[in-house]
PDB file of N, CA and C in Angstrom:
ATOM      1  N   MET A   1       0.816  -1.188   0.000  1.00  0.00           N
ATOM      2  CA  MET A   1       0.000   0.000   0.000  1.00  0.00           C
ATOM      3  C   MET A   1       0.863   1.257   0.000  1.00  0.00           C
ATOM      4  N   GLU A   2       2.085   1.147   0.559  1.00  0.00           N
ATOM      5  CA  GLU A   2       2.968   2.304   0.587  1.00  0.00           C
ATOM      6  C   GLU A   2       3.341   2.680  -0.835  1.00  0.00           C
ATOM      7  N   GLY A   3       3.325   3.985  -1.114  1.00  0.00           N
ATOM      8  CA  GLY A   3       3.594   4.437  -2.461  1.00  0.00           C
ATOM      9  C   GLY A   3       2.327   4.614  -3.268  1.00  0.00           C
ATOM     10  N   ASP A   4       1.242   3.980  -2.856  1.00  0.00           N
ATOM     11  CA  ASP A   4      -0.031   4.161  -3.525  1.00  0.00           C
ATOM     12  C   ASP A   4      -0.545   5.560  -3.240  1.00  0.00           C
ATOM     13  N   THR A   5      -1.380   6.062  -4.134  1.00  0.00           N
ATOM     14  CA  THR A   5      -2.016   7.346  -3.879  1.00  0.00           C
ATOM     15  C   THR A   5      -3.514   7.185  -3.988  1.00  0.00           C
ATOM     16  N   PHE A   6      -4.222   8.019  -3.265  1.00  0.00           N
ATOM     17  CA  PHE A   6      -5.671   8.006  -3.262  1.00  0.00           C
ATOM     18  C   PHE A   6      -6.135   9.405  -3.623  1.00  0.00           C
ATOM     19  N   SER A   7      -7.172   9.498  -4.452  1.00  0.00           N
ATOM     20  CA  SER A   7      -7.627  10.823  -4.880  1.00  0.00           C
ATOM     21  C   SER A   7      -9.105  11.008  -4.567  1.00  0.00           C
ATOM     22  N   GLY A   8      -9.526  10.622  -3.392  1.00  0.00           N
ATOM     23  CA  GLY A   8     -10.931  10.702  -3.021  1.00  0.00           C
ATOM     24  C   GLY A   8     -11.309  11.958  -2.280  1.00  0.00           C
ATOM     25  N   LEU A   9     -10.536  13.032  -2.394  1.00  0.00           N
ATOM     26  CA  LEU A   9     -10.831  14.239  -1.646  1.00  0.00           C
ATOM     27  C   LEU A   9     -11.782  15.164  -2.393  1.00  0.00           C
ATOM     28  N   GLY A  10     -12.079  14.870  -3.661  1.00  0.00           N
ATOM     29  CA  GLY A  10     -13.049  15.664  -4.388  1.00  0.00           C
ATOM     30  C   GLY A  10     -12.444  16.851  -5.120  1.00  0.00           C
ATOM     31  N   ASN A  11     -11.211  17.215  -4.830  1.00  0.00           N
ATOM     32  CA  ASN A  11     -10.616  18.360  -5.512  1.00  0.00           C
ATOM     33  C   ASN A  11      -9.387  17.943  -6.316  1.00  0.00           C
ATOM     34  N   GLY A  12      -9.232  16.660  -6.565  1.00  0.00           N
ATOM     35  CA  GLY A  12      -8.109  16.179  -7.344  1.00  0.00           C
ATOM     36  C   GLY A  12      -6.847  15.974  -6.526  1.00  0.00           C
ATOM     37  N   THR A  13      -6.868  16.316  -5.254  1.00  0.00           N
ATOM     38  CA  THR A  13      -5.700  16.151  -4.401  1.00  0.00           C
ATOM     39  C   THR A  13      -5.493  14.670  -4.124  1.00  0.00           C
ATOM     40  N   GLN A  14      -4.251  14.235  -4.220  1.00  0.00           N
ATOM     41  CA  GLN A  14      -3.926  12.842  -3.940  1.00  0.00           C
ATOM     42  C   GLN A  14      -3.174  12.777  -2.626  1.00  0.00           C
ATOM     43  N   ILE A  15      -3.445  11.708  -1.876  1.00  0.00           N
ATOM     44  CA  ILE A  15      -2.718  11.512  -0.631  1.00  0.00           C
ATOM     45  C   ILE A  15      -1.958  10.194  -0.701  1.00  0.00           C
ATOM     46  N   ASP A  16      -0.806  10.164  -0.090  1.00  0.00           N
ATOM     47  CA  ASP A  16       0.070   9.013  -0.066  1.00  0.00           C
ATOM     48  C   ASP A  16      -0.573   7.871   0.719  1.00  0.00           C
ATOM     49  N   GLY A  17      -0.247   6.635   0.365  1.00  0.00           N
ATOM     50  CA  GLY A  17      -0.788   5.457   1.048  1.00  0.00           C
ATOM     51  C   GLY A  17      -0.446   5.425   2.519  1.00  0.00           C
ATOM     52  N   LYS A  18       0.778   5.872   2.859  1.00  0.00           N
ATOM     53  CA  LYS A  18       1.203   5.893   4.258  1.00  0.00           C
ATOM     54  C   LYS A  18       0.366   6.889   5.054  1.00  0.00           C
ATOM     55  N   VAL A  19       0.098   8.051   4.465  1.00  0.00           N
ATOM     56  CA  VAL A  19      -0.742   9.063   5.116  1.00  0.00           C
ATOM     57  C   VAL A  19      -2.143   8.506   5.306  1.00  0.00           C
ATOM     58  N   PHE A  20      -2.646   7.831   4.275  1.00  0.00           N
ATOM     59  CA  PHE A  20      -3.982   7.242   4.356  1.00  0.00           C
ATOM     60  C   PHE A  20      -4.055   6.219   5.493  1.00  0.00           C
ATOM     61  N   GLN A  21      -3.015   5.394   5.630  1.00  0.00           N
ATOM     62  CA  GLN A  21      -2.989   4.401   6.704  1.00  0.00           C
ATOM     63  C   GLN A  21      -3.000   5.071   8.077  1.00  0.00           C
ATOM     64  N   THR A  22      -2.270   6.178   8.193  1.00  0.00           N
ATOM     65  CA  THR A  22      -2.242   6.917   9.459  1.00  0.00           C
ATOM     66  C   THR A  22      -3.624   7.450   9.787  1.00  0.00           C
ATOM     67  N   PHE A  23      -4.305   8.026   8.786  1.00  0.00           N
ATOM     68  CA  PHE A  23      -5.661   8.529   9.006  1.00  0.00           C
ATOM     69  C   PHE A  23      -6.592   7.402   9.419  1.00  0.00           C
ATOM     70  N   GLN A  24      -6.499   6.296   8.705  1.00  0.00           N
ATOM     71  CA  GLN A  24      -7.365   5.161   8.992  1.00  0.00           C
ATOM     72  C   GLN A  24      -7.141   4.651  10.416  1.00  0.00           C
ATOM     73  N   LYS A  25      -5.880   4.550  10.826  1.00  0.00           N
ATOM     74  CA  LYS A  25      -5.552   4.084  12.173  1.00  0.00           C
ATOM     75  C   LYS A  25      -6.149   5.019  13.220  1.00  0.00           C
ATOM     76  N   SER A  26      -6.015   6.321  12.994  1.00  0.00           N
ATOM     77  CA  SER A  26      -6.556   7.297  13.942  1.00  0.00           C
ATOM     78  C   SER A  26      -8.076   7.214  14.024  1.00  0.00           C
ATOM     79  N   PHE A  27      -8.728   7.061  12.887  1.00  0.00           N
ATOM     80  CA  PHE A  27     -10.189   6.957  12.899  1.00  0.00           C
ATOM     81  C   PHE A  27     -10.654   5.693  13.610  1.00  0.00           C
ATOM     82  N   VAL A  28      -9.902   4.606  13.480  1.00  0.00           N
ATOM     83  CA  VAL A  28     -10.234   3.370  14.201  1.00  0.00           C
ATOM     84  C   VAL A  28     -10.087   3.597  15.710  1.00  0.00           C
ATOM     85  N   GLN A  29      -9.018   4.294  16.115  1.00  0.00           N
ATOM     86  CA  GLN A  29      -8.833   4.602  17.537  1.00  0.00           C
ATOM     87  C   GLN A  29     -10.001   5.441  18.061  1.00  0.00           C
ATOM     88  N   VAL A  30     -10.388   6.460  17.295  1.00  0.00           N
ATOM     89  CA  VAL A  30     -11.512   7.316  17.704  1.00  0.00           C
ATOM     90  C   VAL A  30     -12.767   6.476  17.848  1.00  0.00           C
ATOM     91  N   GLN A  31     -13.047   5.614  16.870  1.00  0.00           N
ATOM     92  CA  GLN A  31     -14.262   4.810  16.920  1.00  0.00           C
ATOM     93  C   GLN A  31     -14.257   3.878  18.127  1.00  0.00           C
ATOM     94  N   ASN A  32     -13.111   3.291  18.440  1.00  0.00           N
ATOM     95  CA  ASN A  32     -13.022   2.417  19.610  1.00  0.00           C
ATOM     96  C   ASN A  32     -13.306   3.185  20.904  1.00  0.00           C
ATOM     97  N   ILE A  33     -12.770   4.388  21.006  1.00  0.00           N
ATOM     98  CA  ILE A  33     -13.025   5.201  22.204  1.00  0.00           C
ATOM     99  C   ILE A  33     -14.501   5.573  22.283  1.00  0.00           C
ATOM    100  N   LEU A  34     -15.095   5.939  21.151  1.00  0.00           N
ATOM    101  CA  LEU A  34     -16.514   6.295  21.157  1.00  0.00           C
ATOM    102  C   LEU A  34     -17.399   5.101  21.525  1.00  0.00           C
ATOM    103  N   ASP A  35     -17.008   3.912  21.065  1.00  0.00           N
ATOM    104  CA  ASP A  35     -17.749   2.702  21.456  1.00  0.00           C
ATOM    105  C   ASP A  35     -17.648   2.475  22.964  1.00  0.00           C
ATOM    106  N   GLN A  36     -16.438   2.680  23.495  1.00  0.00           N
ATOM    107  CA  GLN A  36     -16.249   2.531  24.939  1.00  0.00           C
ATOM    108  C   GLN A  36     -17.088   3.575  25.692  1.00  0.00           C
ATOM    109  N   ASN A  37     -17.134   4.791  25.171  1.00  0.00           N
ATOM    110  CA  ASN A  37     -17.939   5.838  25.806  1.00  0.00           C
ATOM    111  C   ASN A  37     -19.419   5.477  25.844  1.00  0.00           C
ATOM    112  N   ARG A  38     -19.895   4.857  24.776  1.00  0.00           N
ATOM    113  CA  ARG A  38     -21.304   4.438  24.751  1.00  0.00           C
ATOM    114  C   ARG A  38     -21.585   3.465  25.882  1.00  0.00           C
ATOM    115  N   LEU A  39     -20.652   2.514  26.098  1.00  0.00           N
ATOM    116  CA  LEU A  39     -20.822   1.555  27.194  1.00  0.00           C
ATOM    117  C   LEU A  39     -20.763   2.247  28.555  1.00  0.00           C
ATOM    118  N   LEU A  40     -19.833   3.189  28.696  1.00  0.00           N
ATOM    119  CA  LEU A  40     -19.732   3.933  29.958  1.00  0.00           C
ATOM    120  C   LEU A  40     -21.017   4.712  30.238  1.00  0.00           C
ATOM    121  N   ILE A  41     -21.536   5.370  29.230  1.00  0.00           N
ATOM    122  CA  ILE A  41     -22.769   6.158  29.403  1.00  0.00           C
ATOM    123  C   ILE A  41     -23.928   5.255  29.800  1.00  0.00           C
ATOM    124  N   ASN A  42     -24.016   4.089  29.174  1.00  0.00           N
ATOM    125  CA  ASN A  42     -25.086   3.143  29.547  1.00  0.00           C
ATOM    126  C   ASN A  42     -24.950   2.719  31.013  1.00  0.00           C
ATOM    127  N   GLU A  43     -23.720   2.422  31.422  1.00  0.00           N
ATOM    128  CA  GLU A  43     -23.511   2.013  32.812  1.00  0.00           C
ATOM    129  C   GLU A  43     -23.807   3.166  33.776  1.00  0.00           C
ATOM    130  N   ILE A  44     -23.392   4.362  33.433  1.00  0.00           N
ATOM    131  CA  ILE A  44     -23.674   5.541  34.264  1.00  0.00           C
ATOM    132  C   ILE A  44     -25.179   5.733  34.415  1.00  0.00           C
ATOM    133  N   ASN A  45     -25.897   5.597  33.315  1.00  0.00           N
ATOM    134  CA  ASN A  45     -27.361   5.749  33.368  1.00  0.00           C
ATOM    135  C   ASN A  45     -28.014   4.678  34.239  1.00  0.00           C
ATOM    136  N   GLN A  46     -27.560   3.437  34.105  1.00  0.00           N
ATOM    137  CA  GLN A  46     -28.120   2.358  34.923  1.00  0.00           C
ATOM    138  C   GLN A  46     -27.847   2.610  36.401  1.00  0.00           C
ATOM    139  N   ASN A  47     -26.626   3.030  36.714  1.00  0.00           N
ATOM    140  CA  ASN A  47     -26.281   3.318  38.107  1.00  0.00           C
ATOM    141  C   ASN A  47     -27.131   4.467  38.649  1.00  0.00           C
ATOM    142  N   HIS A  48     -27.334   5.468  37.834  1.00  0.00           N
ATOM    143  CA  HIS A  48     -28.129   6.616  38.265  1.00  0.00           C
ATOM    144  C   HIS A  48     -29.582   6.211  38.536  1.00  0.00           C
ATOM    145  N   GLU A  49     -30.133   5.401  37.634  1.00  0.00           N
ATOM    146  CA  GLU A  49     -31.520   4.968  37.781  1.00  0.00           C
ATOM    147  C   GLU A  49     -31.704   4.048  38.991  1.00  0.00           C
ATOM    148  N   SER A  50     -30.657   3.289  39.340  1.00  0.00           N
ATOM    149  CA  SER A  50     -30.774   2.358  40.464  1.00  0.00           C
ATOM    150  C   SER A  50     -30.847   3.091  41.805  1.00  0.00           C
ATOM    151  N   LYS A  51     -30.258   4.285  41.872  1.00  0.00           N
ATOM    152  CA  LYS A  51     -30.224   5.104  43.089  1.00  0.00           C
ATOM    153  C   LYS A  51     -29.561   4.388  44.274  1.00  0.00           C
ATOM    154  N   ILE A  52     -28.795   3.347  43.999  1.00  0.00           N
ATOM    155  CA  ILE A  52     -28.052   2.639  45.041  1.00  0.00           C
ATOM    156  C   ILE A  52     -26.787   3.448  45.328  1.00  0.00           C
ATOM    157  N   PRO A  53     -26.543   3.774  46.602  1.00  0.00           N
ATOM    158  CA  PRO A  53     -25.404   4.640  46.941  1.00  0.00           C
ATOM    159  C   PRO A  53     -24.063   4.165  46.363  1.00  0.00           C
ATOM    160  N   ASP A  54     -23.772   2.879  46.420  1.00  0.00           N
ATOM    161  CA  ASP A  54     -22.502   2.379  45.879  1.00  0.00           C
ATOM    162  C   ASP A  54     -22.413   2.615  44.365  1.00  0.00           C
ATOM    163  N   ASN A  55     -23.529   2.404  43.681  1.00  0.00           N
ATOM    164  CA  ASN A  55     -23.548   2.625  42.227  1.00  0.00           C
ATOM    165  C   ASN A  55     -23.371   4.111  41.897  1.00  0.00           C
ATOM    166  N   LEU A  56     -23.994   4.961  42.696  1.00  0.00           N
ATOM    167  CA  LEU A  56     -23.855   6.398  42.469  1.00  0.00           C
ATOM    168  C   LEU A  56     -22.418   6.849  42.720  1.00  0.00           C
ATOM    169  N   SER A  57     -21.774   6.264  43.717  1.00  0.00           N
ATOM    170  CA  SER A  57     -20.366   6.579  43.996  1.00  0.00           C
ATOM    171  C   SER A  57     -19.476   6.111  42.848  1.00  0.00           C
ATOM    172  N   ARG A  58     -19.811   4.950  42.308  1.00  0.00           N
ATOM    173  CA  ARG A  58     -19.038   4.408  41.183  1.00  0.00           C
ATOM    174  C   ARG A  58     -19.124   5.329  39.969  1.00  0.00           C
ATOM    175  N   ASN A  59     -20.239   6.044  39.836  1.00  0.00           N
ATOM    176  CA  ASN A  59     -20.408   6.944  38.691  1.00  0.00           C
ATOM    177  C   ASN A  59     -19.351   8.043  38.649  1.00  0.00           C
ATOM    178  N   VAL A  60     -18.854   8.441  39.806  1.00  0.00           N
ATOM    179  CA  VAL A  60     -17.822   9.493  39.838  1.00  0.00           C
ATOM    180  C   VAL A  60     -16.615   9.053  39.006  1.00  0.00           C
ATOM    181  N   GLY A  61     -16.148   7.845  39.239  1.00  0.00           N
ATOM    182  CA  GLY A  61     -15.008   7.322  38.484  1.00  0.00           C
ATOM    183  C   GLY A  61     -15.334   7.099  37.018  1.00  0.00           C
ATOM    184  N   LEU A  62     -16.563   6.631  36.753  1.00  0.00           N
ATOM    185  CA  LEU A  62     -16.969   6.391  35.366  1.00  0.00           C
ATOM    186  C   LEU A  62     -17.035   7.701  34.581  1.00  0.00           C
ATOM    187  N   ILE A  63     -17.537   8.746  35.236  1.00  0.00           N
ATOM    188  CA  ILE A  63     -17.632  10.046  34.568  1.00  0.00           C
ATOM    189  C   ILE A  63     -16.240  10.616  34.314  1.00  0.00           C
ATOM    190  N   ARG A  64     -15.321  10.408  35.238  1.00  0.00           N
ATOM    191  CA  ARG A  64     -13.928  10.843  35.018  1.00  0.00           C
ATOM    192  C   ARG A  64     -13.323  10.113  33.813  1.00  0.00           C
ATOM    193  N   GLU A  65     -13.577   8.816  33.758  1.00  0.00           N
ATOM    194  CA  GLU A  65     -13.070   8.035  32.625  1.00  0.00           C
ATOM    195  C   GLU A  65     -13.674   8.533  31.313  1.00  0.00           C
ATOM    196  N   LEU A  66     -14.955   8.831  31.340  1.00  0.00           N
ATOM    197  CA  LEU A  66     -15.645   9.360  30.161  1.00  0.00           C
ATOM    198  C   LEU A  66     -15.024  10.692  29.725  1.00  0.00           C
ATOM    199  N   ASN A  67     -14.779  11.582  30.681  1.00  0.00           N
ATOM    200  CA  ASN A  67     -14.162  12.870  30.363  1.00  0.00           C
ATOM    201  C   ASN A  67     -12.767  12.695  29.772  1.00  0.00           C
ATOM    202  N   ASN A  68     -11.980  11.777  30.336  1.00  0.00           N
ATOM    203  CA  ASN A  68     -10.643  11.515  29.790  1.00  0.00           C
ATOM    204  C   ASN A  68     -10.716  10.971  28.364  1.00  0.00           C
ATOM    205  N   ASN A  69     -11.698  10.107  28.122  1.00  0.00           N
ATOM    206  CA  ASN A  69     -11.878   9.574  26.775  1.00  0.00           C
ATOM    207  C   ASN A  69     -12.241  10.681  25.791  1.00  0.00           C
ATOM    208  N   ILE A  70     -13.081  11.590  26.223  1.00  0.00           N
ATOM    209  CA  ILE A  70     -13.460  12.702  25.350  1.00  0.00           C
ATOM    210  C   ILE A  70     -12.235  13.551  25.028  1.00  0.00           C
ATOM    211  N   ARG A  71     -11.391  13.792  26.016  1.00  0.00           N
ATOM    212  CA  ARG A  71     -10.142  14.540  25.769  1.00  0.00           C
ATOM    213  C   ARG A  71      -9.264  13.815  24.753  1.00  0.00           C
ATOM    214  N   ARG A  72      -9.198  12.496  24.874  1.00  0.00           N
ATOM    215  CA  ARG A  72      -8.390  11.719  23.924  1.00  0.00           C
ATOM    216  C   ARG A  72      -8.932  11.844  22.504  1.00  0.00           C
ATOM    217  N   VAL A  73     -10.249  11.822  22.367  1.00  0.00           N
ATOM    218  CA  VAL A  73     -10.870  11.967  21.042  1.00  0.00           C
ATOM    219  C   VAL A  73     -10.556  13.350  20.468  1.00  0.00           C
ATOM    220  N   VAL A  74     -10.671  14.371  21.291  1.00  0.00           N
ATOM    221  CA  VAL A  74     -10.362  15.731  20.839  1.00  0.00           C
ATOM    222  C   VAL A  74      -8.903  15.809  20.385  1.00  0.00           C
ATOM    223  N   ASP A  75      -8.005  15.230  21.161  1.00  0.00           N
ATOM    224  CA  ASP A  75      -6.587  15.238  20.798  1.00  0.00           C
ATOM    225  C   ASP A  75      -6.329  14.490  19.492  1.00  0.00           C
ATOM    226  N   LEU A  76      -6.985  13.343  19.330  1.00  0.00           N
ATOM    227  CA  LEU A  76      -6.820  12.579  18.091  1.00  0.00           C
ATOM    228  C   LEU A  76      -7.313  13.372  16.891  1.00  0.00           C
ATOM    229  N   TYR A  77      -8.477  14.031  17.032  1.00  0.00           N
ATOM    230  CA  TYR A  77      -8.995  14.835  15.927  1.00  0.00           C
ATOM    231  C   TYR A  77      -8.094  16.033  15.642  1.00  0.00           C
ATOM    232  N   ALA A  78      -7.521  16.636  16.668  1.00  0.00           N
ATOM    233  CA  ALA A  78      -6.595  17.750  16.457  1.00  0.00           C
ATOM    234  C   ALA A  78      -5.365  17.270  15.698  1.00  0.00           C
ATOM    235  N   ASP A  79      -4.823  16.114  16.095  1.00  0.00           N
ATOM    236  CA  ASP A  79      -3.670  15.548  15.394  1.00  0.00           C
ATOM    237  C   ASP A  79      -4.017  15.211  13.943  1.00  0.00           C
ATOM    238  N   LEU A  80      -5.209  14.656  13.734  1.00  0.00           N
ATOM    239  CA  LEU A  80      -5.657  14.339  12.379  1.00  0.00           C
ATOM    240  C   LEU A  80      -5.758  15.595  11.531  1.00  0.00           C
ATOM    241  N   SER A  81      -6.304  16.633  12.115  1.00  0.00           N
ATOM    242  CA  SER A  81      -6.460  17.888  11.388  1.00  0.00           C
ATOM    243  C   SER A  81      -5.105  18.439  10.960  1.00  0.00           C
ATOM    244  N   CYS A  82      -4.145  18.438  11.879  1.00  0.00           N
ATOM    245  CA  CYS A  82      -2.796  18.924  11.552  1.00  0.00           C
ATOM    246  C   CYS A  82      -2.157  18.049  10.479  1.00  0.00           C
ATOM    247  N   SER A  83      -2.268  16.741  10.624  1.00  0.00           N
ATOM    248  CA  SER A  83      -1.674  15.827   9.645  1.00  0.00           C
ATOM    249  C   SER A  83      -2.307  16.014   8.272  1.00  0.00           C
ATOM    250  N   PHE A  84      -3.616  16.175   8.251  1.00  0.00           N
ATOM    251  CA  PHE A  84      -4.317  16.347   6.985  1.00  0.00           C
ATOM    252  C   PHE A  84      -3.882  17.644   6.316  1.00  0.00           C
ATOM    253  N   THR A  85      -3.814  18.718   7.094  1.00  0.00           N
ATOM    254  CA  THR A  85      -3.397  20.004   6.547  1.00  0.00           C
ATOM    255  C   THR A  85      -1.991  19.922   5.987  1.00  0.00           C
ATOM    256  N   LYS A  86      -1.088  19.286   6.727  1.00  0.00           N
ATOM    257  CA  LYS A  86       0.292  19.150   6.261  1.00  0.00           C
ATOM    258  C   LYS A  86       0.359  18.332   4.973  1.00  0.00           C
ATOM    259  N   SER A  87      -0.418  17.253   4.893  1.00  0.00           N
ATOM    260  CA  SER A  87      -0.365  16.409   3.701  1.00  0.00           C
ATOM    261  C   SER A  87      -0.949  17.126   2.489  1.00  0.00           C
ATOM    262  N   VAL A  88      -2.014  17.902   2.694  1.00  0.00           N
ATOM    263  CA  VAL A  88      -2.600  18.654   1.586  1.00  0.00           C
ATOM    264  C   VAL A  88      -1.643  19.755   1.146  1.00  0.00           C
ATOM    265  N   ASP A  89      -1.034  20.449   2.114  1.00  0.00           N
ATOM    266  CA  ASP A  89      -0.063  21.492   1.782  1.00  0.00           C
ATOM    267  C   ASP A  89       1.120  20.900   1.009  1.00  0.00           C
ATOM    268  N   ALA A  90       1.607  19.767   1.469  1.00  0.00           N
ATOM    269  CA  ALA A  90       2.752  19.129   0.809  1.00  0.00           C
ATOM    270  C   ALA A  90       2.395  18.703  -0.610  1.00  0.00           C
ATOM    271  N   SER A  91       1.183  18.163  -0.798  1.00  0.00           N
ATOM    272  CA  SER A  91       0.800  17.709  -2.135  1.00  0.00           C
ATOM    273  C   SER A  91       0.546  18.897  -3.058  1.00  0.00           C
ATOM    274  N   SER A  92       0.023  19.998  -2.513  1.00  0.00           N
ATOM    275  CA  SER A  92      -0.215  21.158  -3.379  1.00  0.00           C
ATOM    276  C   SER A  92       1.106  21.830  -3.751  1.00  0.00           C
ATOM    277  N   GLU A  93       2.099  21.788  -2.864  1.00  0.00           N
ATOM    278  CA  GLU A  93       3.419  22.329  -3.198  1.00  0.00           C
ATOM    279  C   GLU A  93       4.066  21.494  -4.296  1.00  0.00           C
ATOM    280  N   GLY A  94       3.849  20.195  -4.240  1.00  0.00           N
ATOM    281  CA  GLY A  94       4.406  19.314  -5.257  1.00  0.00           C
ATOM    282  C   GLY A  94       3.725  19.472  -6.600  1.00  0.00           C
ATOM    283  N   ASP A  95       2.507  20.010  -6.624  1.00  0.00           N
ATOM    284  CA  ASP A  95       1.753  20.170  -7.859  1.00  0.00           C
ATOM    285  C   ASP A  95       2.018  21.504  -8.538  1.00  0.00           C
ATOM    286  N   SER A  96       2.694  22.434  -7.862  1.00  0.00           N
ATOM    287  CA  SER A  96       2.887  23.754  -8.459  1.00  0.00           C
ATOM    288  C   SER A  96       3.775  23.616  -9.691  1.00  0.00           C
ATOM    289  N   SER A  97       3.457  24.386 -10.705  1.00  0.00           N
ATOM    290  CA  SER A  97       4.176  24.260 -11.976  1.00  0.00           C
ATOM    291  C   SER A  97       5.513  24.955 -11.953  1.00  0.00           C
ATOM    292  N   GLY A  98       5.733  25.840 -10.978  1.00  0.00           N
ATOM    293  CA  GLY A  98       6.990  26.553 -10.905  1.00  0.00           C
ATOM    294  C   GLY A  98       7.069  27.708 -11.894  1.00  0.00           C
ATOM    295  N   ALA A  99       5.944  28.019 -12.526  1.00  0.00           N
ATOM    296  CA  ALA A  99       5.932  29.118 -13.495  1.00  0.00           C
ATOM    297  C   ALA A  99       6.130  30.443 -12.781  1.00  0.00           C
ATOM    298  N   LEU A 100       6.852  31.331 -13.435  1.00  0.00           N
ATOM    299  CA  LEU A 100       7.103  32.650 -12.868  1.00  0.00           C
ATOM    300  C   LEU A 100       6.393  33.707 -13.690  1.00  0.00           C
ATOM    301  N   ARG A 101       6.157  34.847 -13.068  1.00  0.00           N
ATOM    302  CA  ARG A 101       5.587  35.988 -13.783  1.00  0.00           C
ATOM    303  C   ARG A 101       6.662  36.548 -14.709  1.00  0.00           C
ATOM    304  N   PRO A 102       6.255  37.389 -15.638  1.00  0.00           N
ATOM    305  CA  PRO A 102       7.251  37.983 -16.547  1.00  0.00           C
ATOM    306  C   PRO A 102       8.365  38.724 -15.824  1.00  0.00           C
ATOM    307  N   ASP A 103       8.080  39.243 -14.596  1.00  0.00           N
ATOM    308  CA  ASP A 103       9.120  39.964 -13.858  1.00  0.00           C
ATOM    309  C   ASP A 103      10.031  39.020 -13.069  1.00  0.00           C
ATOM    310  N   GLY A 104       9.832  37.695 -13.208  1.00  0.00           N
ATOM    311  CA  GLY A 104      10.685  36.722 -12.556  1.00  0.00           C
ATOM    312  C   GLY A 104      10.235  36.330 -11.162  1.00  0.00           C
ATOM    313  N   LYS A 105       9.144  36.897 -10.673  1.00  0.00           N
ATOM    314  CA  LYS A 105       8.632  36.585  -9.336  1.00  0.00           C
ATOM    315  C   LYS A 105       7.571  35.502  -9.435  1.00  0.00           C
ATOM    316  N   PRO A 106       7.342  34.765  -8.325  1.00  0.00           N
ATOM    317  CA  PRO A 106       6.299  33.734  -8.362  1.00  0.00           C
ATOM    318  C   PRO A 106       4.928  34.377  -8.486  1.00  0.00           C
ATOM    319  N   PRO A 107       3.983  33.671  -9.099  1.00  0.00           N
ATOM    320  CA  PRO A 107       2.642  34.231  -9.262  1.00  0.00           C
ATOM    321  C   PRO A 107       1.957  34.446  -7.915  1.00  0.00           C
ATOM    322  N   THR A 108       1.093  35.426  -7.848  1.00  0.00           N
ATOM    323  CA  THR A 108       0.307  35.690  -6.642  1.00  0.00           C
ATOM    324  C   THR A 108      -1.095  35.155  -6.857  1.00  0.00           C
ATOM    325  N   ASN A 109      -1.856  35.049  -5.774  1.00  0.00           N
ATOM    326  CA  ASN A 109      -3.225  34.558  -5.875  1.00  0.00           C
ATOM    327  C   ASN A 109      -4.213  35.684  -6.148  1.00  0.00           C
ATOM    328  N   LYS A 110      -3.710  36.911  -6.307  1.00  0.00           N
ATOM    329  CA  LYS A 110      -4.594  38.044  -6.527  1.00  0.00           C
ATOM    330  C   LYS A 110      -5.059  38.057  -7.977  1.00  0.00           C
ATOM    331  N   ARG A 111      -6.311  38.452  -8.161  1.00  0.00           N
ATOM    332  CA  ARG A 111      -6.836  38.611  -9.509  1.00  0.00           C
ATOM    333  C   ARG A 111      -6.459  39.995 -10.016  1.00  0.00           C
ATOM    334  N   SER A 112      -6.159  40.062 -11.287  1.00  0.00           N
ATOM    335  CA  SER A 112      -5.911  41.383 -11.836  1.00  0.00           C
ATOM    336  C   SER A 112      -7.250  42.047 -12.136  1.00  0.00           C
ATOM    337  N   LYS A 113      -7.278  43.348 -12.056  1.00  0.00           N
ATOM    338  CA  LYS A 113      -8.518  44.095 -12.295  1.00  0.00           C
ATOM    339  C   LYS A 113      -8.840  44.090 -13.769  1.00  0.00           C
ATOM    340  N   PRO A 114     -10.115  43.857 -14.107  1.00  0.00           N
ATOM    341  CA  PRO A 114     -10.487  43.908 -15.528  1.00  0.00           C
ATOM    342  C   PRO A 114     -10.347  45.345 -16.065  1.00  0.00           C
ATOM    343  N   LEU A 115      -9.949  45.451 -17.323  1.00  0.00           N
ATOM    344  CA  LEU A 115      -9.777  46.770 -17.937  1.00  0.00           C
ATOM    345  C   LEU A 115     -11.059  47.315 -18.464  1.00  0.00           C
TER     346      LEU A 115
END
């Protein structure tokens, strides 16, 4: 898979197979944490509904675990966002034609005014 490129971003941008694997791994980690959170929330709800003092005390630890999991998901998404931005920037730099303006400077993104 390494060396392969994928062009499913909708704008013609291709991403390297290694980058794709990294994204996929991160999304699997996020999904696993979210699945665990669903189980924690179910247990928290059951404990709350039972109104048994020991179960209610146990919820304190479960809620802490849930909060830590949410932080991990946020961190994973932040890392994914940075990685994605870097990979798109790198691929767009590789796609530039290197053409220069007549004055020898690189082209700007500004539109010229119509005459």
